[in-house]
């Protein structure tokens, strides 16, 4: 919903109802991830996408119907369905959508959600998409310190709040299942949780030319990028436009960010100085915590020397196994920009479980489920 939030909020504020289709589950090679949304707005307007163009025409018709009836729908489109071929979903995947009418009565907290997203405050929206007819469409908006709305019972509200706060802390979007009254071991009720966490962070240590390229591609990938170096002559905003630039010793800065709670399991760390007085201390800190990716640049000789120094400093083999060193995938990269692509490719592969091999040499599925 994030990508269509501005348009949705404008129509909501004007009092005009909108049909919203949200991807709630995907299988195989579906082109959009859960949380992607499409709006059917006033005067035949369509905004957003749920399949990259495959099923939008059918979703538009369904969204128009939902605006009129107010009755939510939970359609599924896949290559094994005749309807899927009719609407053009030939990509090899399957998507499940929740299509609902959005207006001030059905979603009174939308302005509060938009304010939280704009302020970078983590917030999640839990909506019942399957259950008893009187439950479908009920929603609960959840922050780390408060909630708004109701799913119909205190028991269900409490169970959902606990579980969603765990999802929100990791930036996870997806389904939760309970019994009809919130029984954790029950079945019959499904919620979709859309998490709106701040952008994940990329911390680049070492203000070198390669860092500038990595910072640019990190921003392109959607990360909030910080470049940190203890040498003020190199760590200047002019050299890293669009990134936060910090002059500090890397290990001291990372320790401070951990203490402030400003990094999490989604954070990506790229250590590019290949200078042991900087690299070893910051990697000691990084490898003792859980991050999405920790990579370090250097030659084979630098790598071997760095690994020996880290072991001497007490870093365990289990922790060292999490380190991507030398950093990046084997693309034959030479320039800073090519190297940045190889680093980005490795980050993506780590995130989604890809093998980094040419798709043309493989016969199994393109997209991976973790």
Protein backbone atom coordinates (compact mmCIF):
# COMPACT_ATOMS: atom_id res chain seq x y z
CA UNK A 1 0.00 0.00 0.00
CA UNK A 2 2.94 2.32 0.57
CA UNK A 3 3.38 3.11 -3.14
CA UNK A 4 -0.27 4.20 -3.55
CA UNK A 5 -0.73 5.80 -0.13
CA UNK A 6 -0.68 9.41 -1.33
CA UNK A 7 -3.47 8.86 -3.88
CA UNK A 8 -5.48 6.73 -1.46
CA UNK A 9 -5.24 9.38 1.26
CA UNK A 10 -6.29 12.18 -1.09
CA UNK A 11 -9.44 10.32 -2.16
CA UNK A 12 -10.14 9.27 1.45
CA UNK A 13 -9.93 12.88 2.63
CA UNK A 14 -12.28 13.99 -0.14
CA UNK A 15 -14.87 11.46 1.01
CA UNK A 16 -14.79 9.41 -2.20
CA UNK A 17 -14.73 5.59 -1.87
CA UNK A 18 -11.90 3.61 -3.45
CA UNK A 19 -11.52 -0.04 -4.36
CA UNK A 20 -8.17 -1.39 -3.16
CA UNK A 21 -6.69 -4.72 -4.22
CA UNK A 22 -3.75 -5.97 -2.14
CA UNK A 23 -1.50 -8.93 -2.87
CA UNK A 24 -1.78 -11.11 0.25
CA UNK A 25 0.06 -14.23 -0.91
CA UNK A 26 2.11 -15.38 -3.88
CA UNK A 27 3.38 -18.70 -5.19
CA UNK A 28 6.14 -19.52 -7.68
CA UNK A 29 7.09 -16.73 -10.14
CA UNK A 30 4.47 -14.13 -9.22
CA UNK A 31 5.82 -10.69 -10.20
CA UNK A 32 4.74 -8.66 -7.11
CA UNK A 33 5.29 -9.34 -3.43
CA UNK A 34 2.65 -9.35 -0.65
CA UNK A 35 1.66 -5.80 0.18
CA UNK A 36 1.68 -4.54 -3.40
CA UNK A 37 -1.57 -2.69 -4.07
CA UNK A 38 -3.75 -1.32 -6.85
CA UNK A 39 -6.45 1.31 -6.45
CA UNK A 40 -9.63 1.76 -8.44
CA UNK A 41 -10.48 5.37 -7.83
CA UNK A 42 -13.14 7.90 -8.84
CA UNK A 43 -13.92 8.54 -12.50
CA UNK A 44 -12.33 5.30 -13.67
CA UNK A 45 -8.87 6.03 -12.28
CA UNK A 46 -6.45 3.14 -11.72
CA UNK A 47 -3.25 3.51 -9.68
CA UNK A 48 -0.63 0.92 -8.79
CA UNK A 49 -0.12 -2.68 -9.79
CA UNK A 50 -0.62 -6.16 -8.35
CA UNK A 51 0.89 -8.28 -11.12
CA UNK A 52 3.02 -6.11 -13.35
CA UNK A 53 0.19 -5.85 -15.88
CA UNK A 54 -1.02 -9.45 -16.07
CA UNK A 55 -4.35 -9.27 -14.24
CA UNK A 56 -4.94 -5.55 -13.75
CA UNK A 57 -7.89 -5.41 -16.15
CA UNK A 58 -9.74 -8.12 -14.22
CA UNK A 59 -8.84 -6.53 -10.89
CA UNK A 60 -10.14 -3.19 -12.14
CA UNK A 61 -13.55 -4.72 -12.83
CA UNK A 62 -13.57 -6.42 -9.43
CA UNK A 63 -12.54 -3.21 -7.69
CA UNK A 64 -15.38 -1.35 -9.38
CA UNK A 65 -17.82 -4.01 -8.18
CA UNK A 66 -16.52 -3.86 -4.61
CA UNK A 67 -16.98 -0.08 -4.52
CA UNK A 68 -20.65 -0.58 -5.40
CA UNK A 69 -21.41 -3.54 -3.12
CA UNK A 70 -19.04 -2.94 -0.22
CA UNK A 71 -18.45 -6.72 -0.08
CA UNK A 72 -14.75 -7.71 0.07
CA UNK A 73 -13.44 -10.39 -2.27
CA UNK A 74 -10.51 -12.83 -1.98
CA UNK A 75 -9.74 -13.96 -5.56
CA UNK A 76 -6.80 -16.09 -6.59
CA UNK A 77 -5.23 -16.10 -10.06
CA UNK A 78 -2.84 -18.81 -11.18
CA UNK A 79 -1.64 -20.55 -14.32
CA UNK A 80 -3.75 -23.62 -13.59
CA UNK A 81 -6.97 -21.58 -13.63
CA UNK A 82 -8.87 -20.93 -16.83
CA UNK A 83 -9.57 -17.42 -15.56
CA UNK A 84 -5.87 -16.79 -15.20
CA UNK A 85 -5.25 -17.44 -18.88
CA UNK A 86 -8.23 -15.30 -19.73
CA UNK A 87 -6.81 -12.32 -17.85
CA UNK A 88 -3.25 -12.97 -18.96
CA UNK A 89 -1.38 -14.30 -15.92
CA UNK A 90 1.08 -16.34 -17.95
CA UNK A 91 4.21 -15.59 -15.89
CA UNK A 92 4.07 -18.96 -14.16
CA UNK A 93 2.97 -17.70 -10.76
CA UNK A 94 -0.13 -17.51 -8.62
CA UNK A 95 -1.38 -14.53 -6.65
CA UNK A 96 -4.08 -14.14 -4.03
CA UNK A 97 -5.65 -10.72 -3.61
CA UNK A 98 -7.87 -9.07 -1.03
CA UNK A 99 -10.13 -6.53 -2.69
CA UNK A 100 -12.01 -4.14 -0.42
CA UNK A 101 -13.78 -0.78 -0.38
CA UNK A 102 -11.82 1.95 1.42
CA UNK A 103 -13.58 5.02 2.80
CA UNK A 104 -13.62 7.00 6.03
CA UNK A 105 -16.13 4.64 7.62
CA UNK A 106 -14.31 1.40 6.78
CA UNK A 107 -10.81 2.73 7.53
CA UNK A 108 -11.03 5.67 9.96
CA UNK A 109 -7.35 5.35 10.97
CA UNK A 110 -5.92 5.88 7.46
CA UNK A 111 -4.75 9.42 8.21
CA UNK A 112 -2.94 8.18 11.33
CA UNK A 113 -1.25 5.44 9.32
CA UNK A 114 -0.16 7.97 6.70
CA UNK A 115 1.23 10.29 9.38
CA UNK A 116 3.24 7.46 10.91
CA UNK A 117 4.65 6.40 7.53
CA UNK A 118 5.61 10.01 6.71
CA UNK A 119 7.32 10.38 10.08
CA UNK A 120 9.22 7.10 9.76
CA UNK A 121 7.35 5.63 12.74
CA UNK A 122 6.82 1.86 12.42
CA UNK A 123 3.13 0.97 12.05
CA UNK A 124 1.26 -2.12 10.85
CA UNK A 125 -2.28 -2.73 9.63
CA UNK A 126 -3.84 -6.14 10.37
CA UNK A 127 -6.98 -6.90 8.36
CA UNK A 128 -9.19 -10.00 8.54
CA UNK A 129 -9.34 -11.40 5.01
CA UNK A 130 -10.94 -14.80 5.73
CA UNK A 131 -13.29 -15.89 8.52
CA UNK A 132 -16.95 -15.44 9.37
CA UNK A 133 -18.77 -12.98 7.11
CA UNK A 134 -19.18 -10.53 10.00
CA UNK A 135 -15.41 -10.57 10.65
CA UNK A 136 -14.04 -10.00 7.13
CA UNK A 137 -12.68 -6.51 6.63
CA UNK A 138 -12.25 -5.66 10.31
CA UNK A 139 -8.84 -4.17 11.01
CA UNK A 140 -6.47 -3.26 13.80
CA UNK A 141 -3.73 -0.63 13.44
CA UNK A 142 -0.72 -1.37 15.61
CA UNK A 143 2.21 0.77 16.73
CA UNK A 144 4.91 -0.30 19.17
CA UNK A 145 3.13 1.50 22.03
CA UNK A 146 -0.57 1.67 21.08
CA UNK A 147 -3.35 0.25 18.90
CA UNK A 148 -6.46 1.58 17.18
CA UNK A 149 -9.54 -0.28 15.97
CA UNK A 150 -10.75 -3.78 16.79
CA UNK A 151 -10.92 -7.21 15.20
CA UNK A 152 -14.04 -8.08 17.16
CA UNK A 153 -12.79 -9.52 20.46
CA UNK A 154 -10.22 -8.68 23.12
CA UNK A 155 -8.65 -12.13 22.84
CA UNK A 156 -8.10 -11.76 19.10
CA UNK A 157 -6.89 -8.18 19.50
CA UNK A 158 -4.34 -9.20 22.15
CA UNK A 159 -2.97 -12.18 20.20
CA UNK A 160 -2.72 -10.17 17.01
CA UNK A 161 -1.04 -7.21 18.73
CA UNK A 162 1.68 -9.42 20.21
CA UNK A 163 2.39 -11.23 16.97
CA UNK A 164 2.24 -8.16 14.75
CA UNK A 165 4.69 -6.23 16.90
CA UNK A 166 7.15 -9.05 16.34
CA UNK A 167 6.57 -8.84 12.58
CA UNK A 168 6.85 -5.06 12.63
CA UNK A 169 10.22 -5.20 14.39
CA UNK A 170 11.57 -7.20 11.44
CA UNK A 171 9.63 -5.34 8.76
CA UNK A 172 7.67 -8.47 7.82
CA UNK A 173 4.46 -8.42 5.79
CA UNK A 174 2.29 -11.54 5.49
CA UNK A 175 -0.50 -13.69 6.91
CA UNK A 176 -1.41 -14.74 10.45
CA UNK A 177 -3.87 -17.54 11.22
CA UNK A 178 -5.94 -18.08 14.38
CA UNK A 179 -9.09 -19.68 15.58
CA UNK A 180 -12.22 -17.61 15.09
CA UNK A 181 -11.79 -15.97 18.49
CA UNK A 182 -8.01 -15.64 18.38
CA UNK A 183 -7.04 -19.15 19.52
CA UNK A 184 -3.37 -19.51 18.61
CA UNK A 185 -3.65 -23.22 17.81
CA UNK A 186 -6.97 -22.77 16.05
CA UNK A 187 -7.90 -22.30 12.42
CA UNK A 188 -10.63 -20.64 10.43
CA UNK A 189 -9.51 -17.01 10.57
CA UNK A 190 -6.80 -15.38 8.45
CA UNK A 191 -5.37 -11.89 8.81
CA UNK A 192 -3.13 -10.03 6.43
CA UNK A 193 -0.51 -7.85 8.10
CA UNK A 194 0.95 -4.95 6.14
CA UNK A 195 4.03 -3.63 7.94
CA UNK A 196 5.24 -0.10 7.29
CA UNK A 197 8.67 0.01 8.85
CA UNK A 198 11.25 2.69 8.03
CA UNK A 199 13.60 1.93 5.18
CA UNK A 200 16.24 -0.68 6.01
CA UNK A 201 19.70 0.79 6.53
CA UNK A 202 22.95 0.26 4.67
CA UNK A 203 26.07 1.19 6.61
CA UNK A 204 29.14 1.67 4.41
CA UNK A 205 32.42 1.87 6.31
CA UNK A 206 35.31 3.40 4.39
CA UNK A 207 34.94 6.64 2.40
CA UNK A 208 36.65 5.43 -0.77
CA UNK A 209 35.64 5.59 -4.43
CA UNK A 210 34.10 2.12 -4.24
CA UNK A 211 32.00 3.33 -1.30
CA UNK A 212 30.49 6.10 -3.43
CA UNK A 213 29.30 3.55 -5.98
CA UNK A 214 27.98 1.17 -3.31
CA UNK A 215 26.15 4.06 -1.62
CA UNK A 216 24.47 5.03 -4.90
CA UNK A 217 23.27 1.52 -5.67
CA UNK A 218 22.19 1.08 -2.04
CA UNK A 219 19.93 4.11 -2.34
CA UNK A 220 18.59 2.75 -5.63
CA UNK A 221 17.73 -0.53 -3.85
CA UNK A 222 15.73 1.35 -1.23
CA UNK A 223 18.20 1.50 1.65
CA UNK A 224 18.82 4.49 3.91
CA UNK A 225 22.56 4.81 3.36
CA UNK A 226 25.17 6.03 5.85
CA UNK A 227 28.86 6.35 4.97
CA UNK A 228 31.20 6.35 7.97
CA UNK A 229 34.95 6.92 8.12
CA UNK A 230 37.29 8.20 10.83
CA UNK A 231 39.18 10.35 8.29
CA UNK A 232 37.45 13.72 7.81
CA UNK A 233 39.38 14.53 4.66
CA UNK A 234 37.60 11.63 2.89
CA UNK A 235 34.23 11.56 4.69
CA UNK A 236 32.59 14.63 3.17
CA UNK A 237 28.97 15.11 2.00
CA UNK A 238 30.23 16.39 -1.35
CA UNK A 239 31.75 13.00 -2.14
CA UNK A 240 28.61 11.09 -1.15
CA UNK A 241 25.54 13.04 -2.28
CA UNK A 242 22.26 11.61 -1.00
CA UNK A 243 23.90 9.65 1.83
CA UNK A 244 24.35 10.49 5.48
CA UNK A 245 28.07 11.03 6.12
CA UNK A 246 29.54 10.44 9.59
CA UNK A 247 33.09 11.10 10.75
CA UNK A 248 33.81 8.55 13.48
CA UNK A 249 35.68 5.34 14.10
CA UNK A 250 33.54 2.61 12.49
CA UNK A 251 33.34 0.31 15.52
CA UNK A 252 32.42 3.20 17.81
CA UNK A 253 29.71 4.43 15.46
CA UNK A 254 28.20 0.95 14.99
CA UNK A 255 28.22 0.33 18.74
CA UNK A 256 26.39 3.61 19.28
CA UNK A 257 23.76 2.79 16.64
CA UNK A 258 23.16 -0.58 18.28
CA UNK A 259 22.73 1.04 21.69
CA UNK A 260 20.25 3.55 20.22
CA UNK A 261 18.27 0.79 18.49
CA UNK A 262 18.78 2.41 15.09
CA UNK A 263 19.90 -0.79 13.33
CA UNK A 264 18.05 -4.10 13.09
CA UNK A 265 18.01 -7.49 11.39
CA UNK A 266 17.36 -5.85 8.01
CA UNK A 267 20.51 -3.73 8.18
CA UNK A 268 23.24 -4.30 5.59
CA UNK A 269 26.89 -3.60 6.46
CA UNK A 270 29.65 -3.12 3.88
CA UNK A 271 33.20 -2.74 5.22
CA UNK A 272 35.32 -1.32 2.41
CA UNK A 273 38.43 0.21 4.02
CA UNK A 274 40.54 -3.00 3.83
CA UNK A 275 42.62 -1.52 6.63
CA UNK A 276 42.86 -3.75 9.70
CA UNK A 277 42.86 -0.93 12.24
CA UNK A 278 39.36 -0.03 11.00
CA UNK A 279 38.06 -3.37 9.70
CA UNK A 280 38.80 -5.75 12.56
CA UNK A 281 37.15 -3.73 15.36
CA UNK A 282 33.98 -2.97 13.37
CA UNK A 283 33.68 -6.55 12.14
CA UNK A 284 34.02 -7.80 15.73
CA UNK A 285 30.97 -5.70 16.60
CA UNK A 286 29.02 -6.53 13.46
CA UNK A 287 29.54 -10.30 13.59
CA UNK A 288 28.41 -10.47 17.22
CA UNK A 289 24.95 -9.30 16.19
CA UNK A 290 22.35 -10.44 13.68
CA UNK A 291 22.31 -8.40 10.47
CA UNK A 292 20.95 -9.16 7.02
CA UNK A 293 24.40 -8.97 5.45
CA UNK A 294 27.96 -8.23 6.53
CA UNK A 295 30.55 -7.98 3.77
CA UNK A 296 34.20 -6.92 3.74
CA UNK A 297 36.34 -5.84 0.76
CA UNK A 298 39.88 -6.98 0.16
CA UNK A 299 42.19 -9.24 -1.80
CA UNK A 300 42.62 -12.92 -0.99
CA UNK A 301 45.72 -12.05 1.02
CA UNK A 302 43.86 -9.30 2.90
CA UNK A 303 40.99 -11.69 3.54
CA UNK A 304 43.26 -14.41 4.97
CA UNK A 305 45.07 -11.92 7.21
CA UNK A 306 41.79 -10.38 8.37
CA UNK A 307 40.28 -13.76 9.22
CA UNK A 308 43.34 -14.66 11.29
CA UNK A 309 43.15 -11.35 13.16
CA UNK A 310 39.42 -11.79 13.81
CA UNK A 311 40.01 -15.27 15.24
CA UNK A 312 42.75 -13.87 17.46
CA UNK A 313 40.26 -11.24 18.64
CA UNK A 314 37.84 -13.98 19.72
CA UNK A 315 35.41 -14.07 16.78
CA UNK A 316 34.08 -17.63 16.48
CA UNK A 317 34.01 -19.76 13.33
CA UNK A 318 30.20 -19.68 13.44
CA UNK A 319 30.27 -15.89 13.39
CA UNK A 320 32.91 -15.81 10.66
CA UNK A 321 30.71 -18.04 8.49
CA UNK A 322 28.25 -15.12 8.24
CA UNK A 323 30.89 -12.84 6.73
CA UNK A 324 30.88 -12.26 2.97
CA UNK A 325 34.57 -11.84 2.25
CA UNK A 326 35.89 -10.99 -0.24
CA UNK A 327 32.73 -8.97 -0.77
CA UNK A 328 30.45 -9.46 -3.80
CA UNK A 329 29.63 -12.12 -6.37
CA UNK A 330 32.04 -13.31 -9.04
CA UNK A 331 31.00 -11.07 -11.95
CA UNK A 332 34.50 -10.20 -13.08
CA UNK A 333 33.89 -6.64 -11.86
CA UNK A 334 36.73 -4.12 -12.06
CA UNK A 335 35.40 -0.58 -11.81
CA UNK A 336 33.77 0.84 -8.66
CA UNK A 337 30.39 0.78 -10.39
CA UNK A 338 30.79 -2.84 -11.52
CA UNK A 339 31.94 -3.80 -8.03
CA UNK A 340 28.88 -2.11 -6.56
CA UNK A 341 26.68 -4.23 -8.82
CA UNK A 342 28.42 -7.40 -7.60
CA UNK A 343 27.92 -6.34 -3.97
CA UNK A 344 24.25 -5.53 -4.61
CA UNK A 345 23.79 -8.90 -6.32
CA UNK A 346 25.22 -10.72 -3.31
CA UNK A 347 22.98 -8.79 -0.92
CA UNK A 348 19.92 -9.75 -2.99
CA UNK A 349 21.03 -13.38 -3.18
CA UNK A 350 21.51 -13.54 0.59
CA UNK A 351 18.12 -11.95 1.17
CA UNK A 352 16.12 -14.28 -1.06
CA UNK A 353 18.23 -17.43 -1.09
CA UNK A 354 19.43 -17.14 -4.67
CA UNK A 355 22.45 -19.02 -5.93
CA UNK A 356 23.93 -16.29 -8.11
CA UNK A 357 24.01 -18.51 -11.19
CA UNK A 358 22.73 -17.55 -14.68
CA UNK A 359 19.00 -18.29 -14.93
CA UNK A 360 19.59 -19.56 -18.46
CA UNK A 361 21.53 -22.52 -17.00
CA UNK A 362 18.79 -23.48 -14.52
CA UNK A 363 15.46 -25.26 -14.87
CA UNK A 364 13.98 -24.76 -11.40
CA UNK A 365 11.80 -21.87 -10.21
CA UNK A 366 12.98 -18.30 -10.66
CA UNK A 367 11.74 -16.86 -7.36
CA UNK A 368 12.64 -18.38 -4.00
CA UNK A 369 10.51 -18.66 -0.88
CA UNK A 370 12.52 -18.37 2.33
